[in-house]
PDB file of N, CA and C in Angstrom:
ATOM      1  N   MET A   1     239.147  67.952 -41.679  1.00  0.00           N
ATOM      2  CA  MET A   1     239.332  67.105 -40.514  1.00  0.00           C
ATOM      3  C   MET A   1     240.526  66.186 -40.755  1.00  0.00           C
ATOM      4  N   SER A   2     241.402  66.112 -39.788  1.00  0.00           N
ATOM      5  CA  SER A   2     242.605  65.314 -39.909  1.00  0.00           C
ATOM      6  C   SER A   2     242.315  63.845 -39.614  1.00  0.00           C
ATOM      7  N   SER A   3     243.012  62.961 -40.303  1.00  0.00           N
ATOM      8  CA  SER A   3     242.824  61.532 -40.063  1.00  0.00           C
ATOM      9  C   SER A   3     244.001  60.959 -39.270  1.00  0.00           C
ATOM     10  N   GLU A   4     244.778  61.815 -38.616  1.00  0.00           N
ATOM     11  CA  GLU A   4     245.924  61.349 -37.848  1.00  0.00           C
ATOM     12  C   GLU A   4     245.474  60.526 -36.647  1.00  0.00           C
ATOM     13  N   THR A   5     246.250  59.520 -36.359  1.00  0.00           N
ATOM     14  CA  THR A   5     246.002  58.681 -35.196  1.00  0.00           C
ATOM     15  C   THR A   5     246.430  59.443 -33.940  1.00  0.00           C
ATOM     16  N   PRO A   6     245.630  59.406 -32.873  1.00  0.00           N
ATOM     17  CA  PRO A   6     246.030  60.096 -31.646  1.00  0.00           C
ATOM     18  C   PRO A   6     247.348  59.529 -31.102  1.00  0.00           C
ATOM     19  N   THR A   7     248.121  60.385 -30.483  1.00  0.00           N
ATOM     20  CA  THR A   7     249.358  59.938 -29.846  1.00  0.00           C
ATOM     21  C   THR A   7     249.009  59.160 -28.584  1.00  0.00           C
ATOM     22  N   ASP A   8     249.990  58.431 -28.052  1.00  0.00           N
ATOM     23  CA  ASP A   8     249.776  57.716 -26.797  1.00  0.00           C
ATOM     24  C   ASP A   8     249.446  58.690 -25.674  1.00  0.00           C
ATOM     25  N   ALA A   9     250.093  59.849 -25.665  1.00  0.00           N
ATOM     26  CA  ALA A   9     249.820  60.864 -24.626  1.00  0.00           C
ATOM     27  C   ALA A   9     248.383  61.371 -24.740  1.00  0.00           C
ATOM     28  N   GLU A  10     247.923  61.619 -25.956  1.00  0.00           N
ATOM     29  CA  GLU A  10     246.545  62.081 -26.140  1.00  0.00           C
ATOM     30  C   GLU A  10     245.551  61.014 -25.705  1.00  0.00           C
ATOM     31  N   THR A  11     245.836  59.762 -26.037  1.00  0.00           N
ATOM     32  CA  THR A  11     244.952  58.669 -25.635  1.00  0.00           C
ATOM     33  C   THR A  11     244.939  58.513 -24.125  1.00  0.00           C
ATOM     34  N   ALA A  12     246.098  58.629 -23.481  1.00  0.00           N
ATOM     35  CA  ALA A  12     246.178  58.536 -22.021  1.00  0.00           C
ATOM     36  C   ALA A  12     245.363  59.647 -21.365  1.00  0.00           C
ATOM     37  N   CYS A  13     245.440  60.866 -21.900  1.00  0.00           N
ATOM     38  CA  CYS A  13     244.652  61.982 -21.361  1.00  0.00           C
ATOM     39  C   CYS A  13     243.162  61.741 -21.540  1.00  0.00           C
ATOM     40  N   PHE A  14     242.774  61.219 -22.702  1.00  0.00           N
ATOM     41  CA  PHE A  14     241.378  60.875 -22.946  1.00  0.00           C
ATOM     42  C   PHE A  14     240.900  59.845 -21.929  1.00  0.00           C
ATOM     43  N   GLU A  15     241.705  58.802 -21.713  1.00  0.00           N
ATOM     44  CA  GLU A  15     241.353  57.766 -20.740  1.00  0.00           C
ATOM     45  C   GLU A  15     241.159  58.363 -19.346  1.00  0.00           C
ATOM     46  N   ALA A  16     242.012  59.289 -18.948  1.00  0.00           N
ATOM     47  CA  ALA A  16     241.882  59.934 -17.634  1.00  0.00           C
ATOM     48  C   ALA A  16     240.559  60.706 -17.552  1.00  0.00           C
ATOM     49  N   GLY A  17     240.204  61.388 -18.622  1.00  0.00           N
ATOM     50  CA  GLY A  17     238.937  62.116 -18.642  1.00  0.00           C
ATOM     51  C   GLY A  17     237.741  61.200 -18.492  1.00  0.00           C
ATOM     52  N   ILE A  18     237.804  60.045 -19.145  1.00  0.00           N
ATOM     53  CA  ILE A  18     236.723  59.054 -19.034  1.00  0.00           C
ATOM     54  C   ILE A  18     236.581  58.608 -17.579  1.00  0.00           C
ATOM     55  N   LYS A  19     237.702  58.370 -16.924  1.00  0.00           N
ATOM     56  CA  LYS A  19     237.658  57.908 -15.535  1.00  0.00           C
ATOM     57  C   LYS A  19     237.045  58.964 -14.624  1.00  0.00           C
ATOM     58  N   PHE A  20     237.401  60.236 -14.835  1.00  0.00           N
ATOM     59  CA  PHE A  20     236.809  61.286 -14.011  1.00  0.00           C
ATOM     60  C   PHE A  20     235.316  61.437 -14.277  1.00  0.00           C
ATOM     61  N   GLY A  21     234.916  61.332 -15.524  1.00  0.00           N
ATOM     62  CA  GLY A  21     233.490  61.402 -15.840  1.00  0.00           C
ATOM     63  C   GLY A  21     232.721  60.283 -15.163  1.00  0.00           C
ATOM     64  N   SER A  22     233.272  59.084 -15.208  1.00  0.00           N
ATOM     65  CA  SER A  22     232.635  57.940 -14.542  1.00  0.00           C
ATOM     66  C   SER A  22     232.553  58.165 -13.040  1.00  0.00           C
ATOM     67  N   LEU A  23     233.669  58.553 -12.466  1.00  0.00           N
ATOM     68  CA  LEU A  23     233.724  58.753 -11.016  1.00  0.00           C
ATOM     69  C   LEU A  23     232.688  59.791 -10.570  1.00  0.00           C
ATOM     70  N   TYR A  24     232.720  60.943 -11.209  1.00  0.00           N
ATOM     71  CA  TYR A  24     231.862  62.038 -10.758  1.00  0.00           C
ATOM     72  C   TYR A  24     230.386  61.703 -10.940  1.00  0.00           C
ATOM     73  N   HIS A  25     230.034  61.219 -12.101  1.00  0.00           N
ATOM     74  CA  HIS A  25     228.614  61.019 -12.384  1.00  0.00           C
ATOM     75  C   HIS A  25     228.054  59.725 -11.798  1.00  0.00           C
ATOM     76  N   GLN A  26     228.902  58.784 -11.518  1.00  0.00           N
ATOM     77  CA  GLN A  26     228.434  57.555 -10.887  1.00  0.00           C
ATOM     78  C   GLN A  26     228.150  57.767  -9.408  1.00  0.00           C
ATOM     79  N   PHE A  27     228.961  58.582  -8.736  1.00  0.00           N
ATOM     80  CA  PHE A  27     228.857  58.682  -7.284  1.00  0.00           C
ATOM     81  C   PHE A  27     228.219  59.975  -6.781  1.00  0.00           C
ATOM     82  N   ALA A  28     228.050  60.981  -7.605  1.00  0.00           N
ATOM     83  CA  ALA A  28     227.373  62.203  -7.168  1.00  0.00           C
ATOM     84  C   ALA A  28     225.957  61.851  -6.710  1.00  0.00           C
ATOM     85  N   GLY A  29     225.597  62.344  -5.562  1.00  0.00           N
ATOM     86  CA  GLY A  29     224.270  62.078  -5.009  1.00  0.00           C
ATOM     87  C   GLY A  29     224.239  60.923  -4.030  1.00  0.00           C
ATOM     88  N   THR A  30     225.336  60.187  -3.908  1.00  0.00           N
ATOM     89  CA  THR A  30     225.394  59.075  -2.960  1.00  0.00           C
ATOM     90  C   THR A  30     225.267  59.606  -1.533  1.00  0.00           C
ATOM     91  N   PRO A  31     224.424  59.021  -0.707  1.00  0.00           N
ATOM     92  CA  PRO A  31     224.352  59.449   0.695  1.00  0.00           C
ATOM     93  C   PRO A  31     225.697  59.211   1.383  1.00  0.00           C
ATOM     94  N   VAL A  32     226.178  60.219   2.116  1.00  0.00           N
ATOM     95  CA  VAL A  32     227.464  60.115   2.794  1.00  0.00           C
ATOM     96  C   VAL A  32     227.400  60.811   4.155  1.00  0.00           C
ATOM     97  N   SER A  33     228.052  60.205   5.119  1.00  0.00           N
ATOM     98  CA  SER A  33     228.174  60.780   6.466  1.00  0.00           C
ATOM     99  C   SER A  33     229.647  60.703   6.852  1.00  0.00           C
ATOM    100  N   PRO A  34     230.041  61.411   7.895  1.00  0.00           N
ATOM    101  CA  PRO A  34     231.441  61.284   8.335  1.00  0.00           C
ATOM    102  C   PRO A  34     231.829  59.832   8.641  1.00  0.00           C
ATOM    103  N   GLU A  35     230.892  59.053   9.144  1.00  0.00           N
ATOM    104  CA  GLU A  35     231.175  57.657   9.475  1.00  0.00           C
ATOM    105  C   GLU A  35     231.334  56.783   8.221  1.00  0.00           C
ATOM    106  N   SER A  36     230.556  57.065   7.182  1.00  0.00           N
ATOM    107  CA  SER A  36     230.620  56.237   5.975  1.00  0.00           C
ATOM    108  C   SER A  36     231.642  56.745   4.958  1.00  0.00           C
ATOM    109  N   ALA A  37     232.201  57.914   5.175  1.00  0.00           N
ATOM    110  CA  ALA A  37     233.125  58.520   4.206  1.00  0.00           C
ATOM    111  C   ALA A  37     234.324  57.634   3.871  1.00  0.00           C
ATOM    112  N   PRO A  38     235.006  57.029   4.858  1.00  0.00           N
ATOM    113  CA  PRO A  38     236.168  56.199   4.492  1.00  0.00           C
ATOM    114  C   PRO A  38     235.802  54.997   3.615  1.00  0.00           C
ATOM    115  N   SER A  39     234.713  54.310   3.928  1.00  0.00           N
ATOM    116  CA  SER A  39     234.341  53.154   3.110  1.00  0.00           C
ATOM    117  C   SER A  39     233.863  53.589   1.731  1.00  0.00           C
ATOM    118  N   LEU A  40     233.207  54.732   1.647  1.00  0.00           N
ATOM    119  CA  LEU A  40     232.780  55.237   0.344  1.00  0.00           C
ATOM    120  C   LEU A  40     233.997  55.618  -0.498  1.00  0.00           C
ATOM    121  N   ALA A  41     234.987  56.261   0.114  1.00  0.00           N
ATOM    122  CA  ALA A  41     236.213  56.615  -0.611  1.00  0.00           C
ATOM    123  C   ALA A  41     236.890  55.364  -1.161  1.00  0.00           C
ATOM    124  N   THR A  42     236.948  54.320  -0.373  1.00  0.00           N
ATOM    125  CA  THR A  42     237.546  53.057  -0.820  1.00  0.00           C
ATOM    126  C   THR A  42     236.742  52.465  -1.968  1.00  0.00           C
ATOM    127  N   ALA A  43     235.426  52.460  -1.852  1.00  0.00           N
ATOM    128  CA  ALA A  43     234.570  51.910  -2.909  1.00  0.00           C
ATOM    129  C   ALA A  43     234.739  52.689  -4.216  1.00  0.00           C
ATOM    130  N   ILE A  44     234.811  54.010  -4.132  1.00  0.00           N
ATOM    131  CA  ILE A  44     234.991  54.831  -5.334  1.00  0.00           C
ATOM    132  C   ILE A  44     236.323  54.490  -5.990  1.00  0.00           C
ATOM    133  N   ALA A  45     237.388  54.486  -5.204  1.00  0.00           N
ATOM    134  CA  ALA A  45     238.724  54.211  -5.750  1.00  0.00           C
ATOM    135  C   ALA A  45     238.784  52.829  -6.385  1.00  0.00           C
ATOM    136  N   GLU A  46     238.288  51.820  -5.685  1.00  0.00           N
ATOM    137  CA  GLU A  46     238.353  50.460  -6.214  1.00  0.00           C
ATOM    138  C   GLU A  46     237.492  50.297  -7.463  1.00  0.00           C
ATOM    139  N   SER A  47     236.376  50.993  -7.520  1.00  0.00           N
ATOM    140  CA  SER A  47     235.513  50.930  -8.695  1.00  0.00           C
ATOM    141  C   SER A  47     236.214  51.503  -9.922  1.00  0.00           C
ATOM    142  N   ILE A  48     236.800  52.680  -9.783  1.00  0.00           N
ATOM    143  CA  ILE A  48     237.451  53.337 -10.916  1.00  0.00           C
ATOM    144  C   ILE A  48     238.714  52.592 -11.322  1.00  0.00           C
ATOM    145  N   GLU A  49     239.426  52.000 -10.358  1.00  0.00           N
ATOM    146  CA  GLU A  49     240.646  51.245 -10.669  1.00  0.00           C
ATOM    147  C   GLU A  49     240.361  50.032 -11.558  1.00  0.00           C
ATOM    148  N   ASN A  50     239.126  49.574 -11.603  1.00  0.00           N
ATOM    149  CA  ASN A  50     238.761  48.459 -12.474  1.00  0.00           C
ATOM    150  C   ASN A  50     238.840  48.817 -13.955  1.00  0.00           C
ATOM    151  N   GLN A  51     238.785  50.096 -14.277  1.00  0.00           N
ATOM    152  CA  GLN A  51     238.733  50.508 -15.674  1.00  0.00           C
ATOM    153  C   GLN A  51     240.085  50.318 -16.356  1.00  0.00           C
ATOM    154  N   PRO A  52     240.056  50.085 -17.670  1.00  0.00           N
ATOM    155  CA  PRO A  52     241.301  49.865 -18.415  1.00  0.00           C
ATOM    156  C   PRO A  52     242.294  51.021 -18.267  1.00  0.00           C
ATOM    157  N   HIS A  53     243.564  50.671 -18.200  1.00  0.00           N
ATOM    158  CA  HIS A  53     244.688  51.603 -18.177  1.00  0.00           C
ATOM    159  C   HIS A  53     244.803  52.412 -16.892  1.00  0.00           C
ATOM    160  N   CYS A  54     243.974  52.133 -15.914  1.00  0.00           N
ATOM    161  CA  CYS A  54     244.002  52.873 -14.658  1.00  0.00           C
ATOM    162  C   CYS A  54     245.047  52.232 -13.740  1.00  0.00           C
ATOM    163  N   ARG A  55     246.061  52.984 -13.373  1.00  0.00           N
ATOM    164  CA  ARG A  55     247.117  52.445 -12.531  1.00  0.00           C
ATOM    165  C   ARG A  55     246.849  52.697 -11.053  1.00  0.00           C
ATOM    166  N   ALA A  56     246.319  53.860 -10.700  1.00  0.00           N
ATOM    167  CA  ALA A  56     246.072  54.172  -9.286  1.00  0.00           C
ATOM    168  C   ALA A  56     244.997  55.239  -9.167  1.00  0.00           C
ATOM    169  N   VAL A  57     244.199  55.118  -8.097  1.00  0.00           N
ATOM    170  CA  VAL A  57     243.183  56.120  -7.781  1.00  0.00           C
ATOM    171  C   VAL A  57     243.261  56.384  -6.279  1.00  0.00           C
ATOM    172  N   THR A  58     243.338  57.647  -5.925  1.00  0.00           N
ATOM    173  CA  THR A  58     243.315  58.043  -4.518  1.00  0.00           C
ATOM    174  C   THR A  58     242.114  58.966  -4.324  1.00  0.00           C
ATOM    175  N   VAL A  59     241.251  58.602  -3.382  1.00  0.00           N
ATOM    176  CA  VAL A  59     240.054  59.397  -3.102  1.00  0.00           C
ATOM    177  C   VAL A  59     240.068  59.778  -1.627  1.00  0.00           C
ATOM    178  N   ASP A  60     239.976  61.061  -1.364  1.00  0.00           N
ATOM    179  CA  ASP A  60     239.849  61.560   0.003  1.00  0.00           C
ATOM    180  C   ASP A  60     238.540  62.329   0.107  1.00  0.00           C
ATOM    181  N   VAL A  61     237.716  61.949   1.063  1.00  0.00           N
ATOM    182  CA  VAL A  61     236.495  62.702   1.332  1.00  0.00           C
ATOM    183  C   VAL A  61     236.857  63.777   2.350  1.00  0.00           C
ATOM    184  N   ARG A  62     236.569  64.998   2.031  1.00  0.00           N
ATOM    185  CA  ARG A  62     236.888  66.133   2.901  1.00  0.00           C
ATOM    186  C   ARG A  62     235.894  66.145   4.071  1.00  0.00           C
ATOM    187  N   THR A  63     236.228  65.407   5.102  1.00  0.00           N
ATOM    188  CA  THR A  63     235.297  65.247   6.227  1.00  0.00           C
ATOM    189  C   THR A  63     235.074  66.557   6.966  1.00  0.00           C
ATOM    190  N   ASP A  64     236.051  67.470   6.944  1.00  0.00           N
ATOM    191  CA  ASP A  64     235.838  68.773   7.576  1.00  0.00           C
ATOM    192  C   ASP A  64     234.687  69.517   6.904  1.00  0.00           C
ATOM    193  N   GLU A  65     234.658  69.480   5.565  1.00  0.00           N
ATOM    194  CA  GLU A  65     233.568  70.118   4.827  1.00  0.00           C
ATOM    195  C   GLU A  65     232.254  69.375   5.046  1.00  0.00           C
ATOM    196  N   LEU A  66     232.328  68.078   5.103  1.00  0.00           N
ATOM    197  CA  LEU A  66     231.150  67.252   5.343  1.00  0.00           C
ATOM    198  C   LEU A  66     230.546  67.562   6.711  1.00  0.00           C
ATOM    199  N   GLU A  67     231.389  67.622   7.722  1.00  0.00           N
ATOM    200  CA  GLU A  67     230.913  67.929   9.072  1.00  0.00           C
ATOM    201  C   GLU A  67     230.342  69.339   9.159  1.00  0.00           C
ATOM    202  N   ALA A  68     230.951  70.302   8.471  1.00  0.00           N
ATOM    203  CA  ALA A  68     230.430  71.673   8.453  1.00  0.00           C
ATOM    204  C   ALA A  68     229.049  71.721   7.806  1.00  0.00           C
ATOM    205  N   GLU A  69     228.870  70.967   6.740  1.00  0.00           N
ATOM    206  CA  GLU A  69     227.557  70.892   6.066  1.00  0.00           C
ATOM    207  C   GLU A  69     226.505  70.313   7.006  1.00  0.00           C
ATOM    208  N   LEU A  70     226.869  69.272   7.721  1.00  0.00           N
ATOM    209  CA  LEU A  70     225.914  68.596   8.594  1.00  0.00           C
ATOM    210  C   LEU A  70     225.639  69.365   9.880  1.00  0.00           C
ATOM    211  N   ALA A  71     226.529  70.245  10.267  1.00  0.00           N
ATOM    212  CA  ALA A  71     226.332  71.036  11.482  1.00  0.00           C
ATOM    213  C   ALA A  71     225.105  71.926  11.369  1.00  0.00           C
ATOM    214  N   GLU A  72     224.765  72.296  10.144  1.00  0.00           N
ATOM    215  CA  GLU A  72     223.614  73.170   9.905  1.00  0.00           C
ATOM    216  C   GLU A  72     222.378  72.397   9.471  1.00  0.00           C
ATOM    217  N   SER A  73     222.392  71.088   9.663  1.00  0.00           N
ATOM    218  CA  SER A  73     221.312  70.240   9.188  1.00  0.00           C
ATOM    219  C   SER A  73     220.782  69.378  10.327  1.00  0.00           C
ATOM    220  N   THR A  74     219.550  68.937  10.184  1.00  0.00           N
ATOM    221  CA  THR A  74     218.992  67.991  11.163  1.00  0.00           C
ATOM    222  C   THR A  74     219.262  66.540  10.745  1.00  0.00           C
ATOM    223  N   ALA A  75     219.763  66.361   9.538  1.00  0.00           N
ATOM    224  CA  ALA A  75     220.054  65.014   9.029  1.00  0.00           C
ATOM    225  C   ALA A  75     221.438  64.558   9.484  1.00  0.00           C
ATOM    226  N   ASP A  76     221.658  63.249   9.450  1.00  0.00           N
ATOM    227  CA  ASP A  76     222.945  62.665   9.816  1.00  0.00           C
ATOM    228  C   ASP A  76     223.826  62.409   8.594  1.00  0.00           C
ATOM    229  N   TYR A  77     223.329  62.717   7.411  1.00  0.00           N
ATOM    230  CA  TYR A  77     224.075  62.497   6.178  1.00  0.00           C
ATOM    231  C   TYR A  77     223.692  63.570   5.173  1.00  0.00           C
ATOM    232  N   THR A  78     224.459  63.634   4.089  1.00  0.00           N
ATOM    233  CA  THR A  78     224.143  64.540   2.994  1.00  0.00           C
ATOM    234  C   THR A  78     224.485  63.832   1.686  1.00  0.00           C
ATOM    235  N   GLU A  79     224.275  64.506   0.574  1.00  0.00           N
ATOM    236  CA  GLU A  79     224.598  63.925  -0.724  1.00  0.00           C
ATOM    237  C   GLU A  79     226.033  64.260  -1.098  1.00  0.00           C
ATOM    238  N   LEU A  80     226.730  63.277  -1.641  1.00  0.00           N
ATOM    239  CA  LEU A  80     228.100  63.479  -2.096  1.00  0.00           C
ATOM    240  C   LEU A  80     228.109  64.392  -3.314  1.00  0.00           C
ATOM    241  N   THR A  81     228.940  65.408  -3.258  1.00  0.00           N
ATOM    242  CA  THR A  81     229.187  66.278  -4.409  1.00  0.00           C
ATOM    243  C   THR A  81     230.694  66.466  -4.529  1.00  0.00           C
ATOM    244  N   GLY A  82     231.115  67.063  -5.611  1.00  0.00           N
ATOM    245  CA  GLY A  82     232.533  67.286  -5.844  1.00  0.00           C
ATOM    246  C   GLY A  82     233.214  68.119  -4.783  1.00  0.00           C
ATOM    247  N   ARG A  83     232.473  68.970  -4.095  1.00  0.00           N
ATOM    248  CA  ARG A  83     233.119  69.815  -3.082  1.00  0.00           C
ATOM    249  C   ARG A  83     233.587  69.029  -1.873  1.00  0.00           C
ATOM    250  N   PHE A  84     233.135  67.798  -1.743  1.00  0.00           N
ATOM    251  CA  PHE A  84     233.573  66.951  -0.632  1.00  0.00           C
ATOM    252  C   PHE A  84     234.719  66.020  -1.019  1.00  0.00           C
ATOM    253  N   LEU A  85     235.177  66.079  -2.266  1.00  0.00           N
ATOM    254  CA  LEU A  85     236.162  65.115  -2.751  1.00  0.00           C
ATOM    255  C   LEU A  85     237.476  65.755  -3.171  1.00  0.00           C
ATOM    256  N   GLU A  86     238.561  65.047  -2.904  1.00  0.00           N
ATOM    257  CA  GLU A  86     239.857  65.314  -3.517  1.00  0.00           C
ATOM    258  C   GLU A  86     240.295  63.984  -4.115  1.00  0.00           C
ATOM    259  N   VAL A  87     240.612  63.993  -5.402  1.00  0.00           N
ATOM    260  CA  VAL A  87     240.875  62.753  -6.123  1.00  0.00           C
ATOM    261  C   VAL A  87     242.137  62.901  -6.971  1.00  0.00           C
ATOM    262  N   GLU A  88     242.917  61.834  -7.013  1.00  0.00           N
ATOM    263  CA  GLU A  88     244.019  61.744  -7.962  1.00  0.00           C
ATOM    264  C   GLU A  88     243.853  60.445  -8.738  1.00  0.00           C
ATOM    265  N   ILE A  89     243.956  60.538 -10.056  1.00  0.00           N
ATOM    266  CA  ILE A  89     243.874  59.366 -10.920  1.00  0.00           C
ATOM    267  C   ILE A  89     245.137  59.316 -11.768  1.00  0.00           C
ATOM    268  N   VAL A  90     245.775  58.140 -11.787  1.00  0.00           N
ATOM    269  CA  VAL A  90     246.958  57.918 -12.610  1.00  0.00           C
ATOM    270  C   VAL A  90     246.607  56.881 -13.660  1.00  0.00           C
ATOM    271  N   VAL A  91     246.834  57.251 -14.917  1.00  0.00           N
ATOM    272  CA  VAL A  91     246.558  56.380 -16.052  1.00  0.00           C
ATOM    273  C   VAL A  91     247.876  56.070 -16.741  1.00  0.00           C
ATOM    274  N   ASP A  92     248.043  54.822 -17.134  1.00  0.00           N
ATOM    275  CA  ASP A  92     249.217  54.420 -17.900  1.00  0.00           C
ATOM    276  C   ASP A  92     248.728  53.790 -19.199  1.00  0.00           C
ATOM    277  N   TYR A  93     249.087  54.411 -20.309  1.00  0.00           N
ATOM    278  CA  TYR A  93     248.707  53.893 -21.624  1.00  0.00           C
ATOM    279  C   TYR A  93     249.955  53.779 -22.481  1.00  0.00           C
ATOM    280  N   GLU A  94     250.310  52.544 -22.841  1.00  0.00           N
ATOM    281  CA  GLU A  94     251.455  52.292 -23.714  1.00  0.00           C
ATOM    282  C   GLU A  94     252.717  53.016 -23.235  1.00  0.00           C
ATOM    283  N   GLY A  95     252.948  53.004 -21.925  1.00  0.00           N
ATOM    284  CA  GLY A  95     254.158  53.615 -21.366  1.00  0.00           C
ATOM    285  C   GLY A  95     254.051  55.113 -21.113  1.00  0.00           C
ATOM    286  N   CYS A  96     252.930  55.714 -21.422  1.00  0.00           N
ATOM    287  CA  CYS A  96     252.697  57.137 -21.147  1.00  0.00           C
ATOM    288  C   CYS A  96     251.870  57.233 -19.869  1.00  0.00           C
ATOM    289  N   THR A  97     252.412  57.927 -18.880  1.00  0.00           N
ATOM    290  CA  THR A  97     251.732  58.058 -17.590  1.00  0.00           C
ATOM    291  C   THR A  97     251.154  59.459 -17.457  1.00  0.00           C
ATOM    292  N   VAL A  98     249.878  59.514 -17.123  1.00  0.00           N
ATOM    293  CA  VAL A  98     249.153  60.768 -16.952  1.00  0.00           C
ATOM    294  C   VAL A  98     248.659  60.837 -15.514  1.00  0.00           C
ATOM    295  N   VAL A  99     248.917  61.971 -14.862  1.00  0.00           N
ATOM    296  CA  VAL A  99     248.438  62.198 -13.503  1.00  0.00           C
ATOM    297  C   VAL A  99     247.413  63.325 -13.564  1.00  0.00           C
ATOM    298  N   THR A 100     246.221  63.049 -13.014  1.00  0.00           N
ATOM    299  CA  THR A 100     245.144  64.036 -13.005  1.00  0.00           C
ATOM    300  C   THR A 100     244.635  64.205 -11.584  1.00  0.00           C
ATOM    301  N   ARG A 101     244.030  65.363 -11.320  1.00  0.00           N
ATOM    302  CA  ARG A 101     243.511  65.659  -9.980  1.00  0.00           C
ATOM    303  C   ARG A 101     242.174  66.376 -10.066  1.00  0.00           C
ATOM    304  N   MET A 102     241.396  66.185  -9.015  1.00  0.00           N
ATOM    305  CA  MET A 102     240.196  66.992  -8.816  1.00  0.00           C
ATOM    306  C   MET A 102     240.259  67.507  -7.383  1.00  0.00           C
ATOM    307  N   GLU A 103     240.161  68.823  -7.244  1.00  0.00           N
ATOM    308  CA  GLU A 103     240.109  69.438  -5.925  1.00  0.00           C
ATOM    309  C   GLU A 103     239.404  70.782  -6.057  1.00  0.00           C
ATOM    310  N   MET A 104     238.986  71.298  -4.929  1.00  0.00           N
ATOM    311  CA  MET A 104     238.262  72.568  -4.937  1.00  0.00           C
ATOM    312  C   MET A 104     239.199  73.709  -5.311  1.00  0.00           C
ATOM    313  N   GLU A 105     238.715  74.544  -6.220  1.00  0.00           N
ATOM    314  CA  GLU A 105     239.437  75.747  -6.600  1.00  0.00           C
ATOM    315  C   GLU A 105     238.420  76.848  -6.860  1.00  0.00           C
ATOM    316  N   ASP A 106     238.498  77.898  -6.080  1.00  0.00           N
ATOM    317  CA  ASP A 106     237.551  79.014  -6.189  1.00  0.00           C
ATOM    318  C   ASP A 106     236.103  78.549  -6.090  1.00  0.00           C
ATOM    319  N   GLY A 107     235.840  77.610  -5.164  1.00  0.00           N
ATOM    320  CA  GLY A 107     234.485  77.143  -4.913  1.00  0.00           C
ATOM    321  C   GLY A 107     233.959  76.138  -5.917  1.00  0.00           C
ATOM    322  N   TYR A 108     234.835  75.603  -6.771  1.00  0.00           N
ATOM    323  CA  TYR A 108     234.403  74.668  -7.814  1.00  0.00           C
ATOM    324  C   TYR A 108     235.298  73.434  -7.794  1.00  0.00           C
ATOM    325  N   PRO A 109     234.737  72.225  -7.922  1.00  0.00           N
ATOM    326  CA  PRO A 109     235.568  71.018  -7.968  1.00  0.00           C
ATOM    327  C   PRO A 109     236.234  70.880  -9.341  1.00  0.00           C
ATOM    328  N   LEU A 110     237.427  71.432  -9.464  1.00  0.00           N
ATOM    329  CA  LEU A 110     238.120  71.496 -10.742  1.00  0.00           C
ATOM    330  C   LEU A 110     238.906  70.214 -11.010  1.00  0.00           C
ATOM    331  N   MET A 111     238.716  69.641 -12.194  1.00  0.00           N
ATOM    332  CA  MET A 111     239.471  68.483 -12.644  1.00  0.00           C
ATOM    333  C   MET A 111     240.533  68.996 -13.588  1.00  0.00           C
ATOM    334  N   ARG A 112     241.784  68.558 -13.370  1.00  0.00           N
ATOM    335  CA  ARG A 112     242.845  69.068 -14.227  1.00  0.00           C
ATOM    336  C   ARG A 112     243.939  68.032 -14.448  1.00  0.00           C
ATOM    337  N   LEU A 113     244.673  68.260 -15.519  1.00  0.00           N
ATOM    338  CA  LEU A 113     245.810  67.444 -15.875  1.00  0.00           C
ATOM    339  C   LEU A 113     247.029  67.983 -15.131  1.00  0.00           C
ATOM    340  N   GLU A 114     247.672  67.130 -14.335  1.00  0.00           N
ATOM    341  CA  GLU A 114     248.850  67.548 -13.569  1.00  0.00           C
ATOM    342  C   GLU A 114     250.132  67.318 -14.356  1.00  0.00           C
ATOM    343  N   SER A 115     250.250  66.130 -14.975  1.00  0.00           N
ATOM    344  CA  SER A 115     251.480  65.842 -15.711  1.00  0.00           C
ATOM    345  C   SER A 115     251.259  64.741 -16.736  1.00  0.00           C
ATOM    346  N   VAL A 116     252.115  64.756 -17.750  1.00  0.00           N
ATOM    347  CA  VAL A 116     252.152  63.723 -18.778  1.00  0.00           C
ATOM    348  C   VAL A 116     253.613  63.316 -18.914  1.00  0.00           C
ATOM    349  N   ARG A 117     253.898  62.039 -18.673  1.00  0.00           N
ATOM    350  CA  ARG A 117     255.281  61.535 -18.773  1.00  0.00           C
ATOM    351  C   ARG A 117     255.329  60.376 -19.752  1.00  0.00           C
ATOM    352  N   GLU A 118     256.246  60.477 -20.707  1.00  0.00           N
ATOM    353  CA  GLU A 118     256.401  59.377 -21.670  1.00  0.00           C
ATOM    354  C   GLU A 118     257.684  58.638 -21.398  1.00  0.00           C
TER     355      GLU A 118
END
């Protein structure tokens, strides 16, 4: 096992992963409707932006998917899952900027690293 100190880029990527884990697991299951989606998106973004090294968070609730889900239901709301979200998180650690995204890919809410800039 190596005792090397992580690089700033590695630490920035780790920080981005922590933010996505918090975002997904904190808000999954939250009741959401087309009417409450904008305020929920704002609450999610502002909550995650509180975390260290977080420079920006953009959360979009896919209301088209939400409305399609509710069209087949007698309820006025459903539970928030990753398939209803598109998210971008930007982390800045010691001058290293990491951009990450979560969006649907092949039916799965995929979280991925978009770029690392030092």
